[in-house]
């Protein structure tokens, strides 16, 4: 039985870290995307391309399916924000509430959120979420 529920859901910062990863590390992510072990949602990726356009260009050669955010995810995100006294604040750092969106997706899974070391403690304040850093994800794989 895996230690972390799969698949892994990448948040905006995990996507950024993937875009900056070495060839071998980047290939691990690409392989996991192809096998369905990593999920990247369209809303998160679209926000990533706005915030980090140069990094998005680095990923332009990679083809992968992006999942759609559905109403269940939106409702879960709203419920989590309300019940958690808005751990991230009502708005995310880029004003699109992406962290709440990712948290909502993860709790519908259950999935494991992959993020950076700075955001991991914020996600962990939301009860029931499984969260690891990008580095922990690479070591786990």
N, C-alpha and C. Protein backbone atom coordinates (compact mmCIF):
# COMPACT_ATOMS: atom_id res chain seq x y z
N UNK A 1 0.85 -1.18 0.00
CA UNK A 1 0.00 0.00 0.00
C UNK A 1 0.89 1.24 0.00
N UNK A 2 0.61 2.20 -0.88
CA UNK A 2 1.47 3.39 -0.95
C UNK A 2 1.32 4.26 0.30
N UNK A 3 2.39 4.95 0.60
CA UNK A 3 2.39 5.86 1.74
C UNK A 3 1.51 7.07 1.45
N UNK A 4 1.49 7.50 0.20
CA UNK A 4 0.70 8.67 -0.20
C UNK A 4 -0.37 8.23 -1.18
N UNK A 5 -1.59 8.76 -1.04
CA UNK A 5 -2.62 8.41 -2.03
C UNK A 5 -2.25 8.96 -3.40
N UNK A 6 -2.41 8.14 -4.41
CA UNK A 6 -2.12 8.58 -5.77
C UNK A 6 -3.42 8.65 -6.55
N UNK A 7 -3.43 9.45 -7.59
CA UNK A 7 -2.32 10.14 -8.22
C UNK A 7 -1.93 11.41 -7.46
N UNK A 8 -0.81 11.96 -7.89
CA UNK A 8 -0.29 13.20 -7.32
C UNK A 8 -0.87 14.37 -8.11
N UNK A 9 -1.32 15.40 -7.40
CA UNK A 9 -1.85 16.60 -8.03
C UNK A 9 -0.83 17.72 -7.87
N UNK A 10 -0.33 18.23 -8.98
CA UNK A 10 0.66 19.31 -8.93
C UNK A 10 -0.05 20.65 -8.78
N UNK A 11 0.44 21.44 -7.82
CA UNK A 11 -0.04 22.82 -7.72
C UNK A 11 0.85 23.70 -8.58
N UNK A 12 0.60 24.99 -8.57
CA UNK A 12 1.33 25.92 -9.41
C UNK A 12 2.84 25.86 -9.16
N UNK A 13 3.23 25.78 -7.90
CA UNK A 13 4.66 25.76 -7.58
C UNK A 13 5.32 24.45 -7.97
N UNK A 14 4.60 23.34 -7.89
CA UNK A 14 5.16 22.07 -8.35
C UNK A 14 5.40 22.10 -9.86
N UNK A 15 4.48 22.71 -10.59
CA UNK A 15 4.67 22.85 -12.03
C UNK A 15 5.90 23.71 -12.31
N UNK A 16 6.05 24.78 -11.55
CA UNK A 16 7.24 25.64 -11.72
C UNK A 16 8.51 24.85 -11.46
N UNK A 17 8.52 24.06 -10.38
CA UNK A 17 9.71 23.27 -10.06
C UNK A 17 9.98 22.22 -11.13
N UNK A 18 8.94 21.65 -11.70
CA UNK A 18 9.12 20.71 -12.81
C UNK A 18 9.77 21.41 -13.99
N UNK A 19 9.33 22.63 -14.28
CA UNK A 19 9.88 23.36 -15.42
C UNK A 19 11.35 23.71 -15.23
N UNK A 20 11.79 23.75 -13.98
CA UNK A 20 13.19 24.08 -13.66
C UNK A 20 14.03 22.84 -13.37
N UNK A 21 13.43 21.65 -13.43
CA UNK A 21 14.11 20.41 -13.06
C UNK A 21 15.13 19.99 -14.11
N UNK A 22 16.08 19.18 -13.67
CA UNK A 22 17.07 18.62 -14.58
C UNK A 22 16.38 17.64 -15.53
N UNK A 23 17.09 17.23 -16.55
CA UNK A 23 16.53 16.33 -17.55
C UNK A 23 15.96 15.05 -16.97
N UNK A 24 16.70 14.39 -16.08
CA UNK A 24 16.23 13.13 -15.48
C UNK A 24 15.01 13.36 -14.61
N UNK A 25 15.05 14.40 -13.81
CA UNK A 25 13.91 14.70 -12.93
C UNK A 25 12.68 15.07 -13.74
N UNK A 26 12.88 15.88 -14.76
CA UNK A 26 11.77 16.28 -15.62
C UNK A 26 11.16 15.06 -16.32
N UNK A 27 12.01 14.12 -16.68
CA UNK A 27 11.52 12.91 -17.35
C UNK A 27 10.69 12.04 -16.41
N UNK A 28 11.02 12.03 -15.12
CA UNK A 28 10.22 11.29 -14.14
C UNK A 28 8.80 11.84 -14.13
N UNK A 29 8.68 13.16 -14.10
CA UNK A 29 7.36 13.80 -14.10
C UNK A 29 6.62 13.48 -15.40
N UNK A 30 7.30 13.63 -16.53
CA UNK A 30 6.67 13.37 -17.82
C UNK A 30 6.16 11.92 -17.89
N UNK A 31 6.95 11.00 -17.42
CA UNK A 31 6.55 9.60 -17.42
C UNK A 31 5.33 9.37 -16.52
N UNK A 32 5.35 9.98 -15.34
CA UNK A 32 4.22 9.84 -14.42
C UNK A 32 2.96 10.49 -14.99
N UNK A 33 3.11 11.59 -15.70
CA UNK A 33 1.96 12.21 -16.37
C UNK A 33 1.36 11.25 -17.40
N UNK A 34 2.21 10.64 -18.19
CA UNK A 34 1.75 9.72 -19.23
C UNK A 34 1.06 8.50 -18.63
N UNK A 35 1.50 8.07 -17.45
CA UNK A 35 0.92 6.89 -16.80
C UNK A 35 -0.26 7.22 -15.90
N UNK A 36 -0.59 8.51 -15.78
CA UNK A 36 -1.71 8.92 -14.95
C UNK A 36 -1.40 8.98 -13.46
N UNK A 37 -0.12 8.93 -13.11
CA UNK A 37 0.29 9.02 -11.71
C UNK A 37 0.41 10.46 -11.24
N UNK A 38 0.50 11.39 -12.18
CA UNK A 38 0.51 12.83 -11.89
C UNK A 38 -0.62 13.47 -12.69
N UNK A 39 -1.36 14.34 -12.02
CA UNK A 39 -2.43 15.08 -12.67
C UNK A 39 -2.12 16.57 -12.60
N UNK A 40 -2.30 17.23 -13.72
CA UNK A 40 -2.20 18.68 -13.78
C UNK A 40 -3.54 19.18 -14.31
N UNK A 41 -4.14 20.07 -13.57
CA UNK A 41 -5.46 20.58 -13.93
C UNK A 41 -5.34 21.85 -14.75
N UNK A 42 -6.25 22.00 -15.70
CA UNK A 42 -6.19 23.12 -16.64
C UNK A 42 -6.16 24.48 -15.95
N UNK A 43 -6.97 24.67 -14.94
CA UNK A 43 -7.02 25.97 -14.26
C UNK A 43 -5.67 26.30 -13.61
N UNK A 44 -5.04 25.31 -13.03
CA UNK A 44 -3.74 25.51 -12.38
C UNK A 44 -2.68 25.79 -13.44
N UNK A 45 -2.69 25.03 -14.53
CA UNK A 45 -1.70 25.24 -15.58
C UNK A 45 -1.88 26.59 -16.26
N UNK A 46 -3.12 26.99 -16.48
CA UNK A 46 -3.36 28.30 -17.09
C UNK A 46 -2.83 29.42 -16.21
N UNK A 47 -3.04 29.30 -14.91
CA UNK A 47 -2.51 30.31 -13.99
C UNK A 47 -0.98 30.30 -14.01
N UNK A 48 -0.39 29.11 -14.07
CA UNK A 48 1.07 28.97 -14.16
C UNK A 48 1.60 29.72 -15.39
N UNK A 49 0.94 29.56 -16.53
CA UNK A 49 1.43 30.22 -17.75
C UNK A 49 1.35 31.74 -17.65
N UNK A 50 0.39 32.25 -16.87
CA UNK A 50 0.29 33.70 -16.68
C UNK A 50 1.37 34.22 -15.73
N UNK A 51 1.62 33.46 -14.68
CA UNK A 51 2.55 33.91 -13.64
C UNK A 51 4.01 33.66 -14.04
N UNK A 52 4.26 32.56 -14.72
CA UNK A 52 5.62 32.18 -15.11
C UNK A 52 5.69 31.91 -16.61
N UNK A 53 5.52 32.92 -17.43
CA UNK A 53 5.49 32.68 -18.89
C UNK A 53 6.78 32.09 -19.44
N UNK A 54 7.93 32.47 -18.89
CA UNK A 54 9.19 31.90 -19.37
C UNK A 54 9.29 30.42 -19.03
N UNK A 55 8.87 30.06 -17.83
CA UNK A 55 8.89 28.65 -17.43
C UNK A 55 7.90 27.85 -18.27
N UNK A 56 6.76 28.45 -18.58
CA UNK A 56 5.76 27.75 -19.40
C UNK A 56 6.34 27.44 -20.78
N UNK A 57 7.15 28.35 -21.30
CA UNK A 57 7.82 28.11 -22.58
C UNK A 57 8.74 26.90 -22.48
N UNK A 58 9.41 26.74 -21.34
CA UNK A 58 10.29 25.59 -21.13
C UNK A 58 9.53 24.28 -21.19
N UNK A 59 8.25 24.29 -20.84
CA UNK A 59 7.44 23.07 -20.85
C UNK A 59 6.67 22.88 -22.16
N UNK A 60 6.80 23.82 -23.07
CA UNK A 60 5.99 23.78 -24.29
C UNK A 60 6.27 22.54 -25.14
N UNK A 61 7.44 21.93 -25.00
CA UNK A 61 7.76 20.73 -25.76
C UNK A 61 7.15 19.47 -25.17
N UNK A 62 6.62 19.55 -23.97
CA UNK A 62 6.03 18.39 -23.31
C UNK A 62 4.54 18.33 -23.62
N UNK A 63 4.09 17.21 -24.05
CA UNK A 63 2.66 17.04 -24.30
C UNK A 63 2.06 16.19 -23.18
N UNK A 64 0.98 16.67 -22.64
CA UNK A 64 0.28 15.93 -21.59
C UNK A 64 -1.14 16.44 -21.50
N UNK A 65 -2.00 15.56 -21.07
CA UNK A 65 -3.41 15.92 -20.92
C UNK A 65 -3.61 16.70 -19.63
N UNK A 66 -4.39 17.73 -19.73
CA UNK A 66 -4.75 18.51 -18.54
C UNK A 66 -6.19 18.17 -18.17
N UNK A 67 -6.39 17.91 -16.90
CA UNK A 67 -7.72 17.57 -16.40
C UNK A 67 -8.53 18.84 -16.21
N UNK A 68 -9.84 18.69 -16.31
CA UNK A 68 -10.73 19.83 -16.09
C UNK A 68 -11.13 19.92 -14.63
N UNK A 69 -11.21 21.13 -14.14
CA UNK A 69 -11.76 21.38 -12.81
C UNK A 69 -13.28 21.33 -12.96
N UNK A 70 -13.92 20.53 -12.13
CA UNK A 70 -15.37 20.36 -12.24
C UNK A 70 -16.07 20.98 -11.03
N UNK A 71 -17.38 21.03 -11.09
CA UNK A 71 -18.16 21.67 -10.03
C UNK A 71 -17.89 21.05 -8.66
N UNK A 72 -17.70 19.74 -8.60
CA UNK A 72 -17.39 19.08 -7.33
C UNK A 72 -16.13 19.67 -6.70
N UNK A 73 -15.13 19.93 -7.51
CA UNK A 73 -13.88 20.53 -7.02
C UNK A 73 -14.12 21.94 -6.48
N UNK A 74 -14.90 22.71 -7.23
CA UNK A 74 -15.20 24.09 -6.81
C UNK A 74 -15.96 24.11 -5.49
N UNK A 75 -16.95 23.24 -5.36
CA UNK A 75 -17.72 23.18 -4.12
C UNK A 75 -16.86 22.72 -2.95
N UNK A 76 -16.00 21.75 -3.19
CA UNK A 76 -15.10 21.27 -2.14
C UNK A 76 -14.14 22.38 -1.71
N UNK A 77 -13.63 23.13 -2.68
CA UNK A 77 -12.71 24.23 -2.35
C UNK A 77 -13.41 25.27 -1.49
N UNK A 78 -14.64 25.63 -1.85
CA UNK A 78 -15.38 26.62 -1.07
C UNK A 78 -15.65 26.11 0.34
N UNK A 79 -16.04 24.84 0.46
CA UNK A 79 -16.30 24.27 1.78
C UNK A 79 -15.04 24.21 2.62
N UNK A 80 -13.92 23.85 2.01
CA UNK A 80 -12.65 23.81 2.74
C UNK A 80 -12.25 25.20 3.23
N UNK A 81 -12.37 26.18 2.35
CA UNK A 81 -12.00 27.56 2.72
C UNK A 81 -12.84 28.03 3.90
N UNK A 82 -14.12 27.71 3.85
CA UNK A 82 -15.02 28.13 4.93
C UNK A 82 -14.70 27.42 6.24
N UNK A 83 -14.51 26.10 6.17
CA UNK A 83 -14.29 25.32 7.40
C UNK A 83 -12.90 25.50 7.98
N UNK A 84 -11.96 25.90 7.16
CA UNK A 84 -10.57 26.06 7.62
C UNK A 84 -10.23 27.49 7.96
N UNK A 85 -11.22 28.33 8.03
CA UNK A 85 -10.99 29.75 8.29
C UNK A 85 -9.99 30.33 7.30
N UNK A 86 -10.08 29.87 6.07
CA UNK A 86 -9.28 30.40 4.96
C UNK A 86 -7.79 30.44 5.27
N UNK A 87 -7.21 29.27 5.45
CA UNK A 87 -5.78 29.12 5.73
C UNK A 87 -4.91 29.94 4.79
N UNK A 88 -5.23 29.93 3.50
CA UNK A 88 -4.45 30.66 2.50
C UNK A 88 -4.92 32.10 2.34
N UNK A 89 -5.97 32.46 3.02
CA UNK A 89 -6.64 33.71 2.73
C UNK A 89 -7.70 33.41 1.69
N UNK A 90 -8.63 34.28 1.51
CA UNK A 90 -9.70 34.03 0.55
C UNK A 90 -9.17 34.00 -0.88
N UNK A 91 -8.14 34.75 -1.13
CA UNK A 91 -7.53 34.76 -2.46
C UNK A 91 -6.13 34.19 -2.35
N UNK A 92 -5.68 33.56 -3.42
CA UNK A 92 -4.32 33.03 -3.47
C UNK A 92 -3.35 34.15 -3.77
N UNK A 93 -2.05 33.82 -3.81
CA UNK A 93 -1.05 34.86 -4.05
C UNK A 93 -1.19 35.52 -5.42
N UNK A 94 -1.87 34.87 -6.36
CA UNK A 94 -2.03 35.44 -7.69
C UNK A 94 -3.49 35.79 -7.96
N UNK A 95 -4.30 35.85 -6.89
CA UNK A 95 -5.70 36.29 -6.94
C UNK A 95 -6.64 35.35 -7.69
N UNK A 96 -6.26 34.12 -7.92
CA UNK A 96 -7.16 33.17 -8.57
C UNK A 96 -7.53 32.01 -7.64
N UNK A 97 -7.19 32.11 -6.37
CA UNK A 97 -7.55 31.08 -5.38
C UNK A 97 -7.06 29.70 -5.80
N UNK A 98 -5.92 29.62 -6.44
CA UNK A 98 -5.43 28.35 -6.97
C UNK A 98 -5.16 27.34 -5.86
N UNK A 99 -4.64 27.79 -4.73
CA UNK A 99 -4.38 26.84 -3.64
C UNK A 99 -5.66 26.19 -3.16
N UNK A 100 -6.74 26.98 -3.04
CA UNK A 100 -8.02 26.41 -2.63
C UNK A 100 -8.55 25.46 -3.70
N UNK A 101 -8.36 25.79 -4.95
CA UNK A 101 -8.77 24.92 -6.04
C UNK A 101 -8.05 23.58 -5.93
N UNK A 102 -6.74 23.61 -5.74
CA UNK A 102 -5.95 22.38 -5.61
C UNK A 102 -6.38 21.59 -4.38
N UNK A 103 -6.61 22.28 -3.27
CA UNK A 103 -7.07 21.60 -2.05
C UNK A 103 -8.43 20.94 -2.29
N UNK A 104 -9.32 21.61 -2.98
CA UNK A 104 -10.63 21.05 -3.29
C UNK A 104 -10.51 19.81 -4.16
N UNK A 105 -9.64 19.86 -5.15
CA UNK A 105 -9.40 18.70 -6.02
C UNK A 105 -8.88 17.54 -5.20
N UNK A 106 -7.88 17.81 -4.36
CA UNK A 106 -7.24 16.75 -3.58
C UNK A 106 -8.20 16.07 -2.62
N UNK A 107 -9.09 16.82 -2.01
CA UNK A 107 -10.00 16.20 -1.05
C UNK A 107 -11.09 15.40 -1.76
N UNK A 108 -11.31 15.63 -3.04
CA UNK A 108 -12.28 14.84 -3.79
C UNK A 108 -11.70 13.50 -4.21
N UNK A 109 -10.39 13.35 -4.12
CA UNK A 109 -9.71 12.15 -4.59
C UNK A 109 -9.96 10.91 -3.78
N UNK A 110 -9.26 10.68 -2.73
CA UNK A 110 -8.18 11.53 -2.21
C UNK A 110 -6.92 11.40 -3.06
N UNK A 111 -6.26 12.51 -3.22
CA UNK A 111 -5.00 12.59 -3.94
C UNK A 111 -3.96 13.20 -3.03
N UNK A 112 -2.71 13.17 -3.49
CA UNK A 112 -1.63 13.83 -2.76
C UNK A 112 -1.23 15.09 -3.52
N UNK A 113 -1.20 16.21 -2.82
CA UNK A 113 -0.77 17.47 -3.42
C UNK A 113 0.75 17.53 -3.42
N UNK A 114 1.32 17.95 -4.54
CA UNK A 114 2.76 18.20 -4.65
C UNK A 114 2.92 19.70 -4.77
N UNK A 115 3.79 20.26 -3.93
CA UNK A 115 3.98 21.71 -3.86
C UNK A 115 5.43 22.02 -3.52
N UNK A 116 5.70 23.24 -3.12
CA UNK A 116 7.04 23.61 -2.66
C UNK A 116 7.07 23.61 -1.13
N UNK A 117 8.25 23.75 -0.57
CA UNK A 117 8.41 23.69 0.89
C UNK A 117 7.68 24.83 1.59
N UNK A 118 7.55 25.95 0.94
CA UNK A 118 6.89 27.11 1.56
C UNK A 118 5.38 26.90 1.72
N UNK A 119 4.75 26.27 0.75
CA UNK A 119 3.31 26.10 0.80
C UNK A 119 2.87 24.81 1.51
N UNK A 120 3.77 23.87 1.66
CA UNK A 120 3.39 22.60 2.29
C UNK A 120 2.73 22.81 3.66
N UNK A 121 3.30 23.61 4.56
CA UNK A 121 2.65 23.79 5.87
C UNK A 121 1.26 24.44 5.76
N UNK A 122 1.04 25.26 4.75
CA UNK A 122 -0.27 25.88 4.58
C UNK A 122 -1.32 24.85 4.18
N UNK A 123 -0.96 23.99 3.24
CA UNK A 123 -1.88 22.91 2.86
C UNK A 123 -2.12 21.97 4.04
N UNK A 124 -1.08 21.70 4.82
CA UNK A 124 -1.21 20.76 5.93
C UNK A 124 -2.15 21.25 7.02
N UNK A 125 -2.41 22.55 7.06
CA UNK A 125 -3.35 23.08 8.04
C UNK A 125 -4.79 22.69 7.71
N UNK A 126 -5.01 22.29 6.46
CA UNK A 126 -6.35 21.86 6.05
C UNK A 126 -6.46 20.37 6.38
N UNK A 127 -7.33 20.03 7.29
CA UNK A 127 -7.47 18.64 7.75
C UNK A 127 -7.75 17.69 6.60
N UNK A 128 -7.05 16.56 6.64
CA UNK A 128 -7.32 15.49 5.69
C UNK A 128 -6.54 15.53 4.39
N UNK A 129 -5.74 16.57 4.17
CA UNK A 129 -4.98 16.64 2.92
C UNK A 129 -3.64 15.95 3.06
N UNK A 130 -3.26 15.21 2.06
CA UNK A 130 -1.94 14.60 1.97
C UNK A 130 -1.09 15.52 1.09
N UNK A 131 0.05 15.94 1.62
CA UNK A 131 0.87 16.94 0.93
C UNK A 131 2.35 16.56 1.02
N UNK A 132 3.06 16.68 -0.10
CA UNK A 132 4.50 16.49 -0.11
C UNK A 132 5.13 17.58 -0.97
N UNK A 133 6.42 17.80 -0.77
CA UNK A 133 7.13 18.75 -1.61
C UNK A 133 7.53 18.07 -2.92
N UNK A 134 7.92 18.88 -3.88
CA UNK A 134 8.39 18.35 -5.17
C UNK A 134 9.59 17.43 -4.95
N UNK A 135 10.48 17.81 -4.06
CA UNK A 135 11.66 16.99 -3.77
C UNK A 135 11.26 15.65 -3.15
N UNK A 136 10.29 15.67 -2.24
CA UNK A 136 9.80 14.44 -1.64
C UNK A 136 9.14 13.54 -2.71
N UNK A 137 8.43 14.16 -3.62
CA UNK A 137 7.82 13.41 -4.72
C UNK A 137 8.90 12.69 -5.54
N UNK A 138 9.96 13.42 -5.92
CA UNK A 138 11.02 12.80 -6.71
C UNK A 138 11.69 11.66 -5.94
N UNK A 139 11.89 11.84 -4.66
CA UNK A 139 12.51 10.77 -3.85
C UNK A 139 11.57 9.58 -3.68
N UNK A 140 10.29 9.83 -3.64
CA UNK A 140 9.29 8.78 -3.48
C UNK A 140 9.17 7.93 -4.74
N UNK A 141 9.32 8.58 -5.88
CA UNK A 141 9.16 7.90 -7.16
C UNK A 141 10.34 6.99 -7.37
